[in-house]
Protein backbone atom coordinates (compact mmCIF):
# COMPACT_ATOMS: atom_id res chain seq x y z
CA MET A 1 7.51 101.80 -125.49
CA THR A 2 3.88 100.97 -124.90
CA GLY A 3 1.16 102.15 -122.60
CA ALA A 4 -2.27 103.73 -122.60
CA VAL A 5 -2.43 107.44 -123.41
CA ASP A 6 -4.13 108.32 -120.12
CA ALA A 7 -1.34 106.54 -118.19
CA GLU A 8 1.29 108.57 -120.09
CA VAL A 9 -0.57 111.78 -119.25
CA ASP A 10 -0.63 110.76 -115.60
CA LEU A 11 3.12 110.18 -115.68
CA ASN A 12 3.72 113.60 -117.19
CA ARG A 13 1.54 115.15 -114.51
CA TRP A 14 3.44 113.25 -111.81
CA LEU A 15 6.74 114.50 -113.23
CA THR A 16 5.74 118.17 -113.16
CA THR A 17 3.84 118.15 -109.87
CA ARG A 18 6.14 115.90 -107.84
CA LEU A 19 9.49 117.28 -109.01
CA GLY A 20 8.26 120.74 -110.02
CA SER A 21 10.52 123.74 -110.34
CA ARG A 22 13.20 122.16 -108.16
CA HIS A 23 14.09 119.88 -111.09
CA PRO A 24 13.44 121.82 -114.32
CA VAL A 25 15.22 119.18 -116.42
CA ALA A 26 14.11 115.67 -115.50
CA ALA A 27 12.82 112.37 -116.85
CA VAL A 28 10.93 109.44 -115.36
CA ALA A 29 10.01 105.93 -116.41
CA THR A 30 7.86 103.16 -115.01
CA VAL A 31 7.47 99.45 -115.65
CA SER A 32 4.13 97.97 -114.64
CA ALA A 33 1.90 95.17 -115.94
CA GLY A 34 4.29 94.61 -118.84
CA ALA A 35 4.08 98.24 -120.01
CA VAL A 36 7.01 100.66 -120.10
CA ARG A 37 6.16 104.35 -119.91
CA VAL A 38 8.43 107.38 -120.16
CA ALA A 39 7.97 111.12 -119.59
CA VAL A 40 10.46 113.99 -119.88
CA HIS A 41 10.42 117.63 -118.84
CA GLY A 42 12.85 120.29 -120.06
CA CYS A 43 14.78 118.01 -122.40
CA GLU A 44 14.47 115.73 -125.40
CA PRO A 45 13.71 112.03 -124.81
CA ALA A 46 17.12 111.06 -126.25
CA ALA A 47 19.08 113.42 -123.97
CA ASP A 48 21.62 111.65 -121.78
CA PHE A 49 22.15 112.16 -118.05
CA GLU A 50 24.98 111.25 -115.73
CA ILE A 51 23.61 108.34 -113.70
CA GLY A 52 26.34 108.58 -111.03
CA SER A 53 26.52 105.63 -108.66
CA LEU A 54 23.81 103.79 -110.54
CA SER A 55 26.89 102.85 -112.58
CA LYS A 56 27.78 100.57 -109.65
CA GLY A 57 24.55 98.67 -110.24
CA ILE A 58 25.60 98.11 -113.83
CA THR A 59 29.05 96.98 -112.69
CA GLY A 60 27.35 94.57 -110.30
CA LEU A 61 25.39 93.03 -113.17
CA LEU A 62 28.54 92.69 -115.27
CA TYR A 63 30.45 91.11 -112.37
CA VAL A 64 27.77 88.46 -111.84
CA ASP A 65 27.57 87.88 -115.59
CA ALA A 66 31.34 87.26 -115.58
CA LEU A 67 30.83 84.76 -112.75
CA HIS A 68 28.27 82.91 -114.87
CA ARG A 69 30.69 82.89 -117.81
CA GLY A 70 33.42 81.38 -115.65
CA GLU A 71 35.78 84.32 -116.27
CA VAL A 72 36.09 85.13 -112.56
CA GLN A 73 35.27 83.50 -109.24
CA PRO A 74 33.98 85.14 -106.04
CA ASP A 75 37.39 84.54 -104.47
CA SER A 76 39.32 85.92 -107.45
CA THR A 77 41.52 88.76 -106.19
CA LEU A 78 42.41 92.12 -107.67
CA GLY A 79 46.00 90.96 -107.90
CA ASP A 80 44.91 88.04 -110.07
CA LEU A 81 43.54 90.44 -112.67
CA LEU A 82 45.25 93.82 -112.34
CA PRO A 83 48.96 94.81 -112.07
CA LEU A 84 48.96 95.81 -108.41
CA ASP A 85 52.48 94.66 -107.58
CA GLY A 86 51.83 92.82 -104.33
CA SER A 87 50.13 95.84 -102.73
CA ALA A 88 47.61 95.51 -99.91
CA VAL A 89 44.66 95.74 -102.28
CA ALA A 90 46.02 92.92 -104.44
CA GLY A 91 44.59 90.35 -102.02
CA VAL A 92 41.07 91.81 -101.93
CA THR A 93 38.44 89.50 -103.43
CA LEU A 94 35.88 90.52 -106.02
CA ALA A 95 33.07 89.22 -103.82
CA ALA A 96 34.09 91.56 -100.98
CA LEU A 97 34.29 94.51 -103.37
CA SER A 98 30.86 93.75 -104.81
CA THR A 99 29.22 94.03 -101.36
CA HIS A 100 31.23 97.04 -100.11
CA SER A 101 32.83 94.89 -97.39
CA SER A 102 36.46 94.78 -98.52
CA GLY A 103 38.08 97.37 -96.27
CA VAL A 104 38.99 99.45 -99.32
CA PRO A 105 38.45 103.14 -98.42
CA ARG A 106 35.77 105.26 -100.05
CA LEU A 107 38.34 107.26 -102.06
CA PRO A 108 42.02 106.71 -102.80
CA PRO A 109 44.57 108.38 -100.54
CA SER A 110 45.53 111.66 -102.17
CA SER A 111 46.61 115.10 -101.08
CA GLN A 112 44.40 116.38 -103.89
CA VAL A 113 41.08 115.15 -102.44
CA LEU A 114 40.47 118.26 -100.31
CA ARG A 115 41.57 120.59 -103.10
CA ARG A 116 39.36 118.86 -105.63
CA SER A 117 36.38 118.87 -103.29
CA PHE A 118 36.80 122.61 -102.77
CA ALA A 119 37.12 123.20 -106.51
CA LEU A 120 33.92 121.25 -107.10
CA TRP A 121 32.06 123.27 -104.48
CA ARG A 122 33.50 126.63 -105.58
CA HIS A 123 33.83 126.26 -109.34
CA GLY A 124 31.86 123.14 -110.31
CA THR A 125 34.92 121.34 -111.64
CA ASN A 126 35.16 117.58 -112.18
CA PRO A 127 36.85 116.01 -109.12
CA TYR A 128 37.70 112.85 -111.07
CA GLY A 129 39.19 112.34 -114.54
CA GLU A 130 42.02 109.88 -113.83
CA SER A 131 43.10 107.27 -116.33
CA VAL A 132 43.03 103.58 -115.40
CA GLU A 133 46.81 103.65 -115.04
CA GLU A 134 46.56 106.55 -112.58
CA LEU A 135 43.87 104.67 -110.66
CA LEU A 136 46.12 101.62 -110.31
CA GLU A 137 48.99 103.79 -109.09
CA GLN A 138 46.71 105.29 -106.44
CA ALA A 139 45.44 101.84 -105.46
CA ARG A 140 48.97 100.56 -104.82
CA GLY A 141 49.25 103.04 -101.96
CA VAL A 142 45.97 102.14 -100.27
CA ARG A 143 45.86 100.93 -96.67
CA LEU A 144 43.00 98.57 -96.02
CA GLY A 145 40.60 99.09 -93.17
CA ARG A 146 38.72 96.46 -91.22
CA PRO A 147 36.49 94.38 -93.49
CA ARG A 148 32.97 95.59 -92.75
CA PRO A 149 30.10 97.17 -94.66
CA LYS A 150 31.46 100.51 -95.90
CA TYR A 151 30.54 102.19 -99.16
CA SER A 152 33.53 102.53 -101.50
CA ASN A 153 33.75 104.33 -104.82
CA LEU A 154 37.35 103.19 -105.16
CA GLY A 155 36.34 99.58 -104.57
CA PHE A 156 33.84 99.62 -107.43
CA GLU A 157 36.26 101.36 -109.76
CA LEU A 158 38.70 98.51 -109.17
CA LEU A 159 35.98 95.85 -109.41
CA GLY A 160 34.78 97.09 -112.79
CA HIS A 161 38.24 97.30 -114.31
CA ALA A 162 39.15 93.89 -112.90
CA VAL A 163 36.06 92.27 -114.45
CA ALA A 164 36.86 93.99 -117.75
CA ALA A 165 40.46 92.73 -117.61
CA ALA A 166 39.21 89.17 -117.02
CA ALA A 167 37.17 89.50 -120.23
CA GLN A 168 40.15 91.03 -122.04
CA LEU A 169 38.14 94.17 -122.69
CA SER A 170 38.17 97.78 -121.57
CA TYR A 171 35.35 98.73 -119.22
CA PRO A 172 33.54 100.79 -121.91
CA ASP A 173 33.69 97.81 -124.28
CA LEU A 174 32.46 95.50 -121.52
CA VAL A 175 29.40 97.70 -121.02
CA GLU A 176 28.81 97.98 -124.75
CA GLN A 177 29.18 94.30 -125.63
CA ARG A 178 27.49 92.67 -122.64
CA LEU A 179 24.78 95.13 -121.65
CA SER A 180 24.15 97.93 -124.14
CA LYS A 181 23.99 95.86 -127.32
CA PRO A 182 21.98 92.92 -125.93
CA LEU A 183 19.41 95.24 -124.33
CA GLN A 184 19.52 97.89 -127.10
CA LEU A 185 20.64 100.65 -124.75
CA THR A 186 21.73 102.84 -127.66
CA GLY A 187 22.39 105.99 -125.62
CA MET A 188 24.42 104.44 -122.80
CA TYR A 189 28.15 105.18 -122.82
CA THR A 190 31.18 105.91 -120.62
CA PRO A 191 33.00 109.11 -121.67
CA ALA A 192 36.64 109.32 -120.66
CA HIS A 193 36.84 113.08 -121.32
CA PRO A 194 34.45 115.89 -122.29
CA GLY A 195 35.28 115.50 -125.98
CA GLU A 196 33.51 112.13 -125.93
CA LEU A 197 30.17 113.56 -124.80
CA SER A 198 27.28 113.10 -127.20
CA GLN A 199 25.54 115.99 -128.91
CA VAL A 200 22.51 115.46 -126.63
CA ALA A 201 24.48 115.30 -123.36
CA LEU A 202 22.80 117.47 -120.74
CA VAL A 203 24.65 120.00 -118.61
CA GLY A 204 24.18 119.24 -114.92
CA ARG A 205 23.57 121.86 -112.28
CA SER A 206 24.06 122.14 -108.54
CA ARG A 207 21.13 122.35 -106.13
CA ASN A 208 21.11 126.12 -106.53
CA GLY A 209 21.25 125.91 -110.32
CA ARG A 210 24.94 126.57 -111.00
CA PRO A 211 26.38 124.66 -114.00
CA ARG A 212 28.77 121.81 -113.27
CA GLU A 213 31.50 120.25 -115.35
CA PRO A 214 30.72 116.73 -116.60
CA TRP A 215 32.10 113.90 -114.48
CA THR A 216 34.11 112.13 -117.14
CA GLY A 217 37.09 109.83 -116.64
CA ALA A 218 38.22 106.34 -117.56
CA ALA A 219 38.92 105.38 -113.94
CA ILE A 220 35.59 106.45 -112.44
CA ALA A 221 33.41 104.77 -115.08
CA PRO A 222 32.51 101.56 -113.16
CA ALA A 223 31.61 103.50 -110.01
CA GLY A 224 30.01 106.66 -111.35
CA GLY A 225 30.92 107.59 -114.91
CA ILE A 226 28.15 106.11 -117.09
CA ARG A 227 25.71 108.33 -118.99
CA ALA A 228 22.33 107.17 -120.35
CA SER A 229 19.00 108.43 -121.62
CA ILE A 230 15.72 107.78 -119.84
CA GLY A 231 14.85 105.33 -122.63
CA ASP A 232 17.99 103.34 -121.88
CA MET A 233 17.24 103.23 -118.17
CA ALA A 234 13.62 102.27 -118.84
CA ARG A 235 14.74 99.35 -121.00
CA LEU A 236 17.24 98.30 -118.34
CA ALA A 237 14.54 98.44 -115.66
CA ALA A 238 12.21 96.37 -117.85
CA ALA A 239 14.96 93.78 -118.38
CA LEU A 240 15.51 93.57 -114.62
CA VAL A 241 11.78 93.05 -114.08
CA ASP A 242 11.33 90.41 -116.79
CA SER A 243 14.63 88.63 -115.94
CA THR A 244 16.27 89.18 -119.33
CA ALA A 245 19.13 91.32 -118.01
CA PRO A 246 22.58 89.71 -117.70
CA GLY A 247 23.83 89.02 -114.21
CA LEU A 248 20.34 89.23 -112.74
CA SER A 249 21.26 87.56 -109.45
CA ALA A 250 23.26 90.70 -108.62
CA LEU A 251 19.91 91.89 -107.25
CA ASP A 252 19.72 89.07 -104.70
CA PRO A 253 20.83 90.29 -101.24
CA VAL A 254 23.66 88.23 -99.77
CA ALA A 255 25.25 90.43 -97.09
CA PRO A 256 24.30 93.10 -94.53
CA MET A 257 24.58 96.79 -95.35
CA ALA A 258 23.72 99.80 -93.20
CA GLY A 259 20.83 99.38 -90.77
CA ARG A 260 18.47 96.64 -91.85
CA ALA A 261 19.41 96.94 -95.50
CA ARG A 262 21.03 94.05 -97.33
CA ILE A 263 23.15 94.10 -100.44
CA GLY A 264 23.74 91.91 -103.47
CA ALA A 265 26.35 92.92 -106.05
CA ALA A 266 25.89 96.67 -105.52
CA TRP A 267 22.07 96.48 -105.43
CA ILE A 268 20.50 97.25 -102.03
CA THR A 269 17.30 95.69 -100.70
CA VAL A 270 15.19 97.15 -97.90
CA ASP A 271 11.86 96.00 -96.47
CA LEU A 272 9.16 98.65 -96.53
CA LYS A 273 6.06 97.41 -94.72
CA ASP A 274 7.10 93.81 -95.48
CA ARG A 275 7.58 94.75 -99.12
CA PRO A 276 11.17 94.09 -100.35
CA ILE A 277 12.36 96.99 -102.51
CA THR A 278 15.61 96.71 -104.46
CA PHE A 279 17.31 99.91 -105.58
CA HIS A 280 20.35 101.99 -106.36
CA ASN A 281 20.70 105.73 -106.63
CA GLY A 282 23.37 108.08 -107.89
CA GLU A 283 24.60 111.62 -107.47
CA THR A 284 27.26 113.65 -109.26
CA GLY A 285 28.04 117.36 -109.12
CA GLY A 286 25.08 118.16 -111.34
CA PHE A 287 22.83 115.10 -111.55
CA HIS A 288 20.80 112.74 -109.40
CA SER A 289 19.33 109.36 -110.31
CA TRP A 290 17.18 106.58 -108.87
CA LEU A 291 16.15 103.11 -110.03
CA SER A 292 14.00 100.87 -107.81
CA LEU A 293 12.16 97.60 -108.25
CA ASP A 294 9.40 95.73 -106.51
CA ARG A 295 10.36 92.30 -107.78
CA ARG A 296 7.31 90.58 -106.31
CA ALA A 297 4.92 92.98 -108.03
CA GLY A 298 6.94 93.15 -111.26
CA THR A 299 7.19 96.94 -111.17
CA ALA A 300 10.04 99.43 -111.46
CA ALA A 301 10.56 103.19 -111.35
CA VAL A 302 13.36 105.38 -112.70
CA VAL A 303 13.97 109.07 -112.04
CA LEU A 304 16.77 111.08 -113.68
CA THR A 305 17.41 114.77 -113.13
CA ALA A 306 20.02 117.27 -114.30
CA ARG A 307 20.30 118.80 -110.84
CA SER A 308 22.14 117.37 -107.84
CA ALA A 309 19.18 117.63 -105.45
CA SER A 310 18.02 114.19 -104.29
CA VAL A 311 15.16 112.38 -106.03
CA ASP A 312 15.21 109.33 -103.72
CA ARG A 313 11.93 110.10 -101.97
CA ALA A 314 10.24 110.95 -105.25
CA GLY A 315 11.49 107.74 -106.86
CA LEU A 316 10.26 105.62 -104.00
CA ALA A 317 6.89 107.39 -104.10
CA LEU A 318 6.65 106.72 -107.83
CA LEU A 319 7.25 103.01 -107.28
CA SER A 320 4.65 102.99 -104.52
CA ASP A 321 2.13 104.65 -106.84
CA LEU A 322 2.37 101.67 -109.16
């Protein structure tokens, strides 16, 4: 990581003054003028955070990379790649999943959803944790809605595992071989259960500071189960800026999303004062994350925090400061 000392001091000051006591454990990174800068507060630089739905952005990159490799096509269906036994979701295309326009619901149908949501709110427990086999069983019972822009965790779970199946890999191995190793993201991983957490894994907390169980699970990994350090996310942001990341065209908007936003493969683009900003964020029971890019200016900003309070405004402000 390079950068002038005074710039690093400024970033540390930004971290403490902008996020302050609301986020006692946090980390930020910027990419600007070819320099990558990192600052942390309340943790070690190598500590890993849950990045939540930023995992979808990574799945989007891996999906587009698989397109470039010829392993899948936009019109490849889930039934082509996963054992879905002629269910309704079997006919859903990967392209529709990648832009949240498939009609797949946000979560799988389950009598446990309300109970798990209450347990998360009351006790901080992990509402996920299913195996891939359990995910597929849930997916077989899904009823599709009307194809239209609608955010779907379930859709990205299925997309990630389908892309991995096309490569004859598990999703964790897909991330490791096609993203982590090439970009040297040494602290990025996808724990299936708490026993797989690293020794520097942070404990997340709710907005009011209550500890939360880690969101681990093989099924949720492509949609929200990846963990990474700020150094990993800084290197990923730099690779997106300098066009060395795999599947880079995942950033290119190809379909409408909510409001005036447009979406590529997971990545959302909005125009702010005629300035296209591409981003994804993430939230789990105890963490919040943000990665945004100004592709014209060649800048990027990352914010990670071990508290579930939003950092979206702060992350956008950090990008604007560049």
